[in-house]
């Protein structure tokens, strides 16, 4: 009975999502109908341009460069966010000391990081990786710190009473409680990293998808710009479904068979 209700809920949600997509495409078509293609292309023109782009080997090389840079910056941000956030959540003095730095990172526009990276590293991949790291790190720090801070202290005391080592308490108490919100934020940071990487490439390098978008903009190939946007959206969704989706399902606590649930 429960599985049937869950399946019906998923089907209903999928139908509503599809209706939202159709409404968005219809609205886009209506607005683009009275515009020149170089100002606002129609969905059909953007889709045609996307199919053309996907057949070119240069696109896949550019996509690989952008994904690699975004992935490297995101990995650094995840490690820094986990370590830094744990320290902030564990020790209030560390939180007070690091609060100004976190606020500066959160309040500074990404374009400022792009300018600094261009000065420090020039038109290189390191500049893009640095920008992605600086933008994604504060989100992971805040999430990790909040999750660690909300852990019930009695759980750690109970672990000590039962003779668990520090490593065992981290493995059985800290990680299971921190991991779900950490993965949820990592999902947001993943899409954010792709967008920031493209923006940084557009302003600092002539390679990657950012360089391709800048070339299309210079040539007034607006349908191709929209095509890149559609492709990036699809890539972000696929990465979420293939990577963070399975992780989230594994870290979600499922009720055991026969366990009472709250209506």
C-alpha atoms as a PDB file:
ATOM      1  CA  UNK A   1       0.000   0.000   0.000  1.00  0.00           C
ATOM      2  CA  UNK A   2       2.783   2.401   0.954  1.00  0.00           C
ATOM      3  CA  UNK A   3       4.764   1.632  -2.209  1.00  0.00           C
ATOM      4  CA  UNK A   4       1.658   2.166  -4.354  1.00  0.00           C
ATOM      5  CA  UNK A   5       1.055   5.576  -2.796  1.00  0.00           C
ATOM      6  CA  UNK A   6       4.723   6.486  -3.303  1.00  0.00           C
ATOM      7  CA  UNK A   7       4.566   5.450  -6.968  1.00  0.00           C
ATOM      8  CA  UNK A   8       1.374   7.443  -7.512  1.00  0.00           C
ATOM      9  CA  UNK A   9       2.986  10.474  -5.882  1.00  0.00           C
ATOM     10  CA  UNK A  10       6.041  10.196  -8.151  1.00  0.00           C
ATOM     11  CA  UNK A  11       3.865   9.862 -11.254  1.00  0.00           C
ATOM     12  CA  UNK A  12       1.776  12.868 -10.233  1.00  0.00           C
ATOM     13  CA  UNK A  13       4.910  14.921  -9.561  1.00  0.00           C
ATOM     14  CA  UNK A  14       6.364  13.934 -12.953  1.00  0.00           C
ATOM     15  CA  UNK A  15       3.164  14.967 -14.724  1.00  0.00           C
ATOM     16  CA  UNK A  16       3.144  18.351 -12.969  1.00  0.00           C
ATOM     17  CA  UNK A  17       6.833  18.870 -13.834  1.00  0.00           C
ATOM     18  CA  UNK A  18       6.135  18.038 -17.477  1.00  0.00           C
ATOM     19  CA  UNK A  19       3.244  20.514 -17.467  1.00  0.00           C
ATOM     20  CA  UNK A  20       5.592  23.182 -16.100  1.00  0.00           C
ATOM     21  CA  UNK A  21       8.112  22.489 -18.869  1.00  0.00           C
ATOM     22  CA  UNK A  22       5.397  22.724 -21.531  1.00  0.00           C
ATOM     23  CA  UNK A  23       4.138  26.000 -20.062  1.00  0.00           C
ATOM     24  CA  UNK A  24       7.665  27.415 -20.045  1.00  0.00           C
ATOM     25  CA  UNK A  25       8.253  26.433 -23.683  1.00  0.00           C
ATOM     26  CA  UNK A  26       4.920  27.908 -24.750  1.00  0.00           C
ATOM     27  CA  UNK A  27       5.672  31.179 -22.959  1.00  0.00           C
ATOM     28  CA  UNK A  28       9.126  31.285 -24.540  1.00  0.00           C
ATOM     29  CA  UNK A  29       7.619  30.652 -27.979  1.00  0.00           C
ATOM     30  CA  UNK A  30       5.067  33.405 -27.518  1.00  0.00           C
ATOM     31  CA  UNK A  31       7.632  36.006 -26.423  1.00  0.00           C
ATOM     32  CA  UNK A  32      10.096  35.047 -29.177  1.00  0.00           C
ATOM     33  CA  UNK A  33       7.452  35.223 -31.903  1.00  0.00           C
ATOM     34  CA  UNK A  34       7.782  38.977 -32.318  1.00  0.00           C
ATOM     35  CA  UNK A  35      11.576  39.158 -31.934  1.00  0.00           C
ATOM     36  CA  UNK A  36      14.507  38.817 -34.292  1.00  0.00           C
ATOM     37  CA  UNK A  37      16.460  35.600 -33.867  1.00  0.00           C
ATOM     38  CA  UNK A  38      19.633  37.390 -32.818  1.00  0.00           C
ATOM     39  CA  UNK A  39      17.688  39.033 -29.958  1.00  0.00           C
ATOM     40  CA  UNK A  40      15.590  36.109 -28.731  1.00  0.00           C
ATOM     41  CA  UNK A  41      15.525  32.843 -30.701  1.00  0.00           C
ATOM     42  CA  UNK A  42      12.597  30.479 -30.554  1.00  0.00           C
ATOM     43  CA  UNK A  43      12.813  27.141 -28.687  1.00  0.00           C
ATOM     44  CA  UNK A  44      12.992  25.374 -32.056  1.00  0.00           C
ATOM     45  CA  UNK A  45      15.987  27.481 -33.154  1.00  0.00           C
ATOM     46  CA  UNK A  46      17.746  26.871 -29.838  1.00  0.00           C
ATOM     47  CA  UNK A  47      17.079  23.129 -30.019  1.00  0.00           C
ATOM     48  CA  UNK A  48      18.344  22.985 -33.614  1.00  0.00           C
ATOM     49  CA  UNK A  49      21.486  24.873 -32.621  1.00  0.00           C
ATOM     50  CA  UNK A  50      21.985  22.488 -29.684  1.00  0.00           C
ATOM     51  CA  UNK A  51      21.813  19.459 -31.978  1.00  0.00           C
ATOM     52  CA  UNK A  52      24.344  21.092 -34.303  1.00  0.00           C
ATOM     53  CA  UNK A  53      26.679  21.879 -31.396  1.00  0.00           C
ATOM     54  CA  UNK A  54      26.482  18.327 -30.065  1.00  0.00           C
ATOM     55  CA  UNK A  55      27.770  16.926 -33.357  1.00  0.00           C
ATOM     56  CA  UNK A  56      31.009  18.912 -33.225  1.00  0.00           C
ATOM     57  CA  UNK A  57      34.089  17.350 -31.571  1.00  0.00           C
ATOM     58  CA  UNK A  58      35.254  20.778 -30.366  1.00  0.00           C
ATOM     59  CA  UNK A  59      32.201  21.027 -28.145  1.00  0.00           C
ATOM     60  CA  UNK A  60      33.019  17.821 -26.289  1.00  0.00           C
ATOM     61  CA  UNK A  61      36.584  18.992 -25.699  1.00  0.00           C
ATOM     62  CA  UNK A  62      35.270  22.301 -24.353  1.00  0.00           C
ATOM     63  CA  UNK A  63      32.729  20.499 -22.160  1.00  0.00           C
ATOM     64  CA  UNK A  64      35.485  18.266 -20.794  1.00  0.00           C
ATOM     65  CA  UNK A  65      37.662  21.275 -19.941  1.00  0.00           C
ATOM     66  CA  UNK A  66      34.811  23.081 -18.174  1.00  0.00           C
ATOM     67  CA  UNK A  67      33.652  20.000 -16.279  1.00  0.00           C
ATOM     68  CA  UNK A  68      37.201  19.190 -15.174  1.00  0.00           C
ATOM     69  CA  UNK A  69      37.822  22.715 -13.898  1.00  0.00           C
ATOM     70  CA  UNK A  70      34.470  22.886 -12.134  1.00  0.00           C
ATOM     71  CA  UNK A  71      35.001  19.426 -10.656  1.00  0.00           C
ATOM     72  CA  UNK A  72      38.463  20.228  -9.327  1.00  0.00           C
ATOM     73  CA  UNK A  73      37.251  23.462  -7.750  1.00  0.00           C
ATOM     74  CA  UNK A  74      34.237  21.693  -6.251  1.00  0.00           C
ATOM     75  CA  UNK A  75      36.360  18.874  -4.785  1.00  0.00           C
ATOM     76  CA  UNK A  76      38.655  21.392  -3.103  1.00  0.00           C
ATOM     77  CA  UNK A  77      35.603  23.250  -1.771  1.00  0.00           C
ATOM     78  CA  UNK A  78      34.078  20.036  -0.402  1.00  0.00           C
ATOM     79  CA  UNK A  79      37.248  19.122   1.485  1.00  0.00           C
ATOM     80  CA  UNK A  80      37.747  22.649   2.810  1.00  0.00           C
ATOM     81  CA  UNK A  81      34.067  22.973   3.678  1.00  0.00           C
ATOM     82  CA  UNK A  82      33.990  19.676   5.565  1.00  0.00           C
ATOM     83  CA  UNK A  83      37.128  20.396   7.620  1.00  0.00           C
ATOM     84  CA  UNK A  84      36.524  24.096   8.175  1.00  0.00           C
ATOM     85  CA  UNK A  85      32.818  23.667   8.881  1.00  0.00           C
ATOM     86  CA  UNK A  86      33.433  20.856  11.363  1.00  0.00           C
ATOM     87  CA  UNK A  87      35.903  23.023  13.280  1.00  0.00           C
ATOM     88  CA  UNK A  88      33.453  25.949  13.339  1.00  0.00           C
ATOM     89  CA  UNK A  89      30.569  23.775  14.460  1.00  0.00           C
ATOM     90  CA  UNK A  90      32.639  22.040  17.115  1.00  0.00           C
ATOM     91  CA  UNK A  91      34.377  25.023  18.739  1.00  0.00           C
ATOM     92  CA  UNK A  92      32.546  28.370  19.235  1.00  0.00           C
ATOM     93  CA  UNK A  93      35.858  30.227  19.493  1.00  0.00           C
ATOM     94  CA  UNK A  94      36.805  29.046  15.996  1.00  0.00           C
ATOM     95  CA  UNK A  95      33.411  30.193  14.727  1.00  0.00           C
ATOM     96  CA  UNK A  96      33.899  33.663  16.205  1.00  0.00           C
ATOM     97  CA  UNK A  97      37.412  33.894  14.773  1.00  0.00           C
ATOM     98  CA  UNK A  98      36.396  32.770  11.264  1.00  0.00           C
ATOM     99  CA  UNK A  99      33.096  34.649  11.060  1.00  0.00           C
ATOM    100  CA  UNK A 100      34.563  37.713   9.254  1.00  0.00           C
ATOM    101  CA  UNK A 101      36.273  35.555   6.626  1.00  0.00           C
ATOM    102  CA  UNK A 102      33.099  33.547   5.963  1.00  0.00           C
ATOM    103  CA  UNK A 103      30.993  36.698   5.651  1.00  0.00           C
ATOM    104  CA  UNK A 104      33.481  38.223   3.208  1.00  0.00           C
ATOM    105  CA  UNK A 105      33.413  35.095   1.043  1.00  0.00           C
ATOM    106  CA  UNK A 106      29.613  35.002   1.110  1.00  0.00           C
ATOM    107  CA  UNK A 107      29.146  38.707   0.356  1.00  0.00           C
ATOM    108  CA  UNK A 108      31.790  39.127  -2.348  1.00  0.00           C
ATOM    109  CA  UNK A 109      30.375  38.853  -5.906  1.00  0.00           C
ATOM    110  CA  UNK A 110      31.849  36.050  -7.992  1.00  0.00           C
ATOM    111  CA  UNK A 111      32.998  38.530 -10.632  1.00  0.00           C
ATOM    112  CA  UNK A 112      35.373  40.094  -8.064  1.00  0.00           C
ATOM    113  CA  UNK A 113      36.984  36.686  -7.567  1.00  0.00           C
ATOM    114  CA  UNK A 114      37.288  36.413 -11.343  1.00  0.00           C
ATOM    115  CA  UNK A 115      39.165  39.719 -11.531  1.00  0.00           C
ATOM    116  CA  UNK A 116      41.506  38.707  -8.695  1.00  0.00           C
ATOM    117  CA  UNK A 117      42.118  35.286 -10.241  1.00  0.00           C
ATOM    118  CA  UNK A 118      42.936  36.920 -13.562  1.00  0.00           C
ATOM    119  CA  UNK A 119      45.495  39.173 -11.844  1.00  0.00           C
ATOM    120  CA  UNK A 120      47.049  36.358  -9.818  1.00  0.00           C
ATOM    121  CA  UNK A 121      46.988  33.471 -12.298  1.00  0.00           C
ATOM    122  CA  UNK A 122      46.361  35.067 -15.683  1.00  0.00           C
ATOM    123  CA  UNK A 123      44.280  33.337 -18.374  1.00  0.00           C
ATOM    124  CA  UNK A 124      44.824  29.816 -17.037  1.00  0.00           C
ATOM    125  CA  UNK A 125      42.799  26.902 -15.718  1.00  0.00           C
ATOM    126  CA  UNK A 126      44.053  27.684 -12.214  1.00  0.00           C
ATOM    127  CA  UNK A 127      42.121  30.964 -12.308  1.00  0.00           C
ATOM    128  CA  UNK A 128      38.850  29.141 -13.042  1.00  0.00           C
ATOM    129  CA  UNK A 129      39.495  26.522 -10.353  1.00  0.00           C
ATOM    130  CA  UNK A 130      40.240  29.230  -7.798  1.00  0.00           C
ATOM    131  CA  UNK A 131      37.012  31.103  -8.545  1.00  0.00           C
ATOM    132  CA  UNK A 132      34.918  27.931  -8.247  1.00  0.00           C
ATOM    133  CA  UNK A 133      36.602  27.047  -4.957  1.00  0.00           C
ATOM    134  CA  UNK A 134      36.064  30.491  -3.429  1.00  0.00           C
ATOM    135  CA  UNK A 135      32.387  30.571  -4.442  1.00  0.00           C
ATOM    136  CA  UNK A 136      31.491  27.017  -3.337  1.00  0.00           C
ATOM    137  CA  UNK A 137      33.492  26.801  -0.099  1.00  0.00           C
ATOM    138  CA  UNK A 138      31.421  29.140   2.136  1.00  0.00           C
ATOM    139  CA  UNK A 139      28.204  27.274   1.297  1.00  0.00           C
ATOM    140  CA  UNK A 140      29.753  23.970   2.362  1.00  0.00           C
ATOM    141  CA  UNK A 141      31.273  25.551   5.481  1.00  0.00           C
ATOM    142  CA  UNK A 142      27.933  26.962   6.649  1.00  0.00           C
ATOM    143  CA  UNK A 143      26.096  23.699   5.983  1.00  0.00           C
ATOM    144  CA  UNK A 144      28.674  21.530   7.733  1.00  0.00           C
ATOM    145  CA  UNK A 145      28.944  23.891  10.711  1.00  0.00           C
ATOM    146  CA  UNK A 146      25.175  23.942  11.172  1.00  0.00           C
ATOM    147  CA  UNK A 147      24.903  20.159  10.962  1.00  0.00           C
ATOM    148  CA  UNK A 148      27.718  19.614  13.476  1.00  0.00           C
ATOM    149  CA  UNK A 149      26.297  22.242  15.831  1.00  0.00           C
ATOM    150  CA  UNK A 150      22.869  20.556  15.834  1.00  0.00           C
ATOM    151  CA  UNK A 151      24.200  17.140  16.880  1.00  0.00           C
ATOM    152  CA  UNK A 152      22.870  16.162  20.289  1.00  0.00           C
ATOM    153  CA  UNK A 153      25.854  16.200  22.718  1.00  0.00           C
ATOM    154  CA  UNK A 154      24.372  13.285  24.636  1.00  0.00           C
ATOM    155  CA  UNK A 155      25.039  11.047  21.625  1.00  0.00           C
ATOM    156  CA  UNK A 156      28.772  11.672  21.925  1.00  0.00           C
ATOM    157  CA  UNK A 157      28.608  11.132  25.683  1.00  0.00           C
ATOM    158  CA  UNK A 158      26.744   7.884  25.135  1.00  0.00           C
ATOM    159  CA  UNK A 159      29.440   6.744  22.736  1.00  0.00           C
ATOM    160  CA  UNK A 160      32.076   7.462  25.336  1.00  0.00           C
ATOM    161  CA  UNK A 161      30.098   5.519  27.950  1.00  0.00           C
ATOM    162  CA  UNK A 162      30.000   2.502  25.651  1.00  0.00           C
ATOM    163  CA  UNK A 163      33.753   2.741  25.118  1.00  0.00           C
ATOM    164  CA  UNK A 164      33.738   3.909  21.507  1.00  0.00           C
ATOM    165  CA  UNK A 165      36.977   5.405  20.286  1.00  0.00           C
ATOM    166  CA  UNK A 166      37.139   8.877  18.739  1.00  0.00           C
ATOM    167  CA  UNK A 167      37.277   7.335  15.268  1.00  0.00           C
ATOM    168  CA  UNK A 168      34.260   5.112  15.951  1.00  0.00           C
ATOM    169  CA  UNK A 169      32.244   8.065  17.286  1.00  0.00           C
ATOM    170  CA  UNK A 170      33.042  10.043  14.147  1.00  0.00           C
ATOM    171  CA  UNK A 171      32.114   7.087  11.926  1.00  0.00           C
ATOM    172  CA  UNK A 172      28.888   6.101  13.691  1.00  0.00           C
ATOM    173  CA  UNK A 173      27.602   9.442  15.018  1.00  0.00           C
ATOM    174  CA  UNK A 174      29.129  12.459  13.275  1.00  0.00           C
ATOM    175  CA  UNK A 175      29.240  11.313   9.655  1.00  0.00           C
ATOM    176  CA  UNK A 176      25.701   9.788   9.459  1.00  0.00           C
ATOM    177  CA  UNK A 177      24.162  12.965  10.907  1.00  0.00           C
ATOM    178  CA  UNK A 178      26.204  15.451   8.890  1.00  0.00           C
ATOM    179  CA  UNK A 179      26.226  13.625   5.562  1.00  0.00           C
ATOM    180  CA  UNK A 180      22.576  14.197   4.435  1.00  0.00           C
ATOM    181  CA  UNK A 181      22.661  18.030   4.655  1.00  0.00           C
ATOM    182  CA  UNK A 182      26.216  18.027   3.326  1.00  0.00           C
ATOM    183  CA  UNK A 183      25.160  16.093   0.211  1.00  0.00           C
ATOM    184  CA  UNK A 184      22.130  18.351  -0.265  1.00  0.00           C
ATOM    185  CA  UNK A 185      24.399  21.401  -0.255  1.00  0.00           C
ATOM    186  CA  UNK A 186      26.893  19.627  -2.508  1.00  0.00           C
ATOM    187  CA  UNK A 187      24.077  19.201  -5.042  1.00  0.00           C
ATOM    188  CA  UNK A 188      23.513  22.959  -5.053  1.00  0.00           C
ATOM    189  CA  UNK A 189      27.257  23.615  -5.169  1.00  0.00           C
ATOM    190  CA  UNK A 190      27.649  21.286  -8.155  1.00  0.00           C
ATOM    191  CA  UNK A 191      25.291  23.277 -10.348  1.00  0.00           C
ATOM    192  CA  UNK A 192      26.724  26.509  -8.997  1.00  0.00           C
ATOM    193  CA  UNK A 193      30.259  25.358  -9.824  1.00  0.00           C
ATOM    194  CA  UNK A 194      29.370  24.712 -13.459  1.00  0.00           C
ATOM    195  CA  UNK A 195      27.815  28.158 -13.831  1.00  0.00           C
ATOM    196  CA  UNK A 196      30.703  29.895 -12.106  1.00  0.00           C
ATOM    197  CA  UNK A 197      33.266  27.946 -14.151  1.00  0.00           C
ATOM    198  CA  UNK A 198      31.603  29.021 -17.410  1.00  0.00           C
ATOM    199  CA  UNK A 199      31.489  32.655 -16.241  1.00  0.00           C
ATOM    200  CA  UNK A 200      35.146  32.540 -15.210  1.00  0.00           C
ATOM    201  CA  UNK A 201      36.124  30.983 -18.541  1.00  0.00           C
ATOM    202  CA  UNK A 202      34.175  33.624 -20.420  1.00  0.00           C
ATOM    203  CA  UNK A 203      36.104  36.399 -18.677  1.00  0.00           C
ATOM    204  CA  UNK A 204      39.549  34.845 -18.230  1.00  0.00           C
ATOM    205  CA  UNK A 205      40.220  32.241 -20.913  1.00  0.00           C
ATOM    206  CA  UNK A 206      39.413  31.490 -24.539  1.00  0.00           C
ATOM    207  CA  UNK A 207      38.792  27.804 -23.865  1.00  0.00           C
ATOM    208  CA  UNK A 208      36.013  25.703 -22.400  1.00  0.00           C
ATOM    209  CA  UNK A 209      32.327  26.418 -22.769  1.00  0.00           C
ATOM    210  CA  UNK A 210      32.865  29.966 -21.540  1.00  0.00           C
ATOM    211  CA  UNK A 211      35.172  30.661 -24.465  1.00  0.00           C
ATOM    212  CA  UNK A 212      32.687  29.052 -26.861  1.00  0.00           C
ATOM    213  CA  UNK A 213      29.850  31.205 -25.520  1.00  0.00           C
ATOM    214  CA  UNK A 214      31.945  34.347 -25.860  1.00  0.00           C
ATOM    215  CA  UNK A 215      32.748  33.458 -29.480  1.00  0.00           C
ATOM    216  CA  UNK A 216      29.047  32.883 -30.204  1.00  0.00           C
ATOM    217  CA  UNK A 217      28.197  36.223 -28.593  1.00  0.00           C
ATOM    218  CA  UNK A 218      30.802  38.048 -30.673  1.00  0.00           C
ATOM    219  CA  UNK A 219      29.386  36.496 -33.848  1.00  0.00           C
ATOM    220  CA  UNK A 220      25.790  37.322 -32.778  1.00  0.00           C
ATOM    221  CA  UNK A 221      24.898  33.605 -32.796  1.00  0.00           C
ATOM    222  CA  UNK A 222      22.259  33.961 -30.097  1.00  0.00           C
ATOM    223  CA  UNK A 223      20.616  30.569 -30.798  1.00  0.00           C
ATOM    224  CA  UNK A 224      23.965  28.940 -30.073  1.00  0.00           C
ATOM    225  CA  UNK A 225      24.197  30.833 -26.766  1.00  0.00           C
ATOM    226  CA  UNK A 226      20.791  29.482 -25.777  1.00  0.00           C
ATOM    227  CA  UNK A 227      21.892  26.042 -26.973  1.00  0.00           C
ATOM    228  CA  UNK A 228      24.868  26.096 -24.602  1.00  0.00           C
ATOM    229  CA  UNK A 229      22.547  27.143 -21.774  1.00  0.00           C
ATOM    230  CA  UNK A 230      20.211  24.205 -22.478  1.00  0.00           C
ATOM    231  CA  UNK A 231      23.128  21.791 -22.664  1.00  0.00           C
ATOM    232  CA  UNK A 232      24.633  23.050 -19.394  1.00  0.00           C
ATOM    233  CA  UNK A 233      21.262  22.653 -17.685  1.00  0.00           C
ATOM    234  CA  UNK A 234      21.015  19.083 -18.950  1.00  0.00           C
ATOM    235  CA  UNK A 235      24.562  18.278 -17.820  1.00  0.00           C
ATOM    236  CA  UNK A 236      23.866  19.645 -14.320  1.00  0.00           C
ATOM    237  CA  UNK A 237      20.670  17.576 -14.050  1.00  0.00           C
ATOM    238  CA  UNK A 238      22.423  14.411 -15.229  1.00  0.00           C
ATOM    239  CA  UNK A 239      25.273  14.879 -12.760  1.00  0.00           C
ATOM    240  CA  UNK A 240      22.749  15.371  -9.975  1.00  0.00           C
ATOM    241  CA  UNK A 241      20.845  12.212 -10.897  1.00  0.00           C
ATOM    242  CA  UNK A 242      23.957  10.089 -11.403  1.00  0.00           C
ATOM    243  CA  UNK A 243      26.084  11.257  -8.473  1.00  0.00           C
ATOM    244  CA  UNK A 244      24.279  13.082  -5.689  1.00  0.00           C
ATOM    245  CA  UNK A 245      20.889  11.414  -6.240  1.00  0.00           C
ATOM    246  CA  UNK A 246      22.086   7.890  -5.322  1.00  0.00           C
ATOM    247  CA  UNK A 247      24.085   9.296  -2.392  1.00  0.00           C
ATOM    248  CA  UNK A 248      21.037  11.100  -1.043  1.00  0.00           C
ATOM    249  CA  UNK A 249      18.897   7.971  -1.305  1.00  0.00           C
ATOM    250  CA  UNK A 250      21.505   5.956   0.591  1.00  0.00           C
ATOM    251  CA  UNK A 251      21.850   8.492   3.387  1.00  0.00           C
ATOM    252  CA  UNK A 252      18.098   8.974   3.841  1.00  0.00           C
ATOM    253  CA  UNK A 253      16.836   7.110   6.862  1.00  0.00           C
ATOM    254  CA  UNK A 254      14.153   4.648   5.814  1.00  0.00           C
ATOM    255  CA  UNK A 255      11.628   3.294   8.332  1.00  0.00           C
ATOM    256  CA  UNK A 256      12.148  -0.355   9.135  1.00  0.00           C
ATOM    257  CA  UNK A 257       9.502  -2.894   8.259  1.00  0.00           C
ATOM    258  CA  UNK A 258       6.740  -2.943  10.837  1.00  0.00           C
ATOM    259  CA  UNK A 259       7.874   0.353  12.397  1.00  0.00           C
ATOM    260  CA  UNK A 260       5.076   2.757  13.182  1.00  0.00           C
ATOM    261  CA  UNK A 261       5.009   5.982  11.233  1.00  0.00           C
ATOM    262  CA  UNK A 262       3.446   9.309  12.052  1.00  0.00           C
ATOM    263  CA  UNK A 263       0.405  10.001   9.851  1.00  0.00           C
END
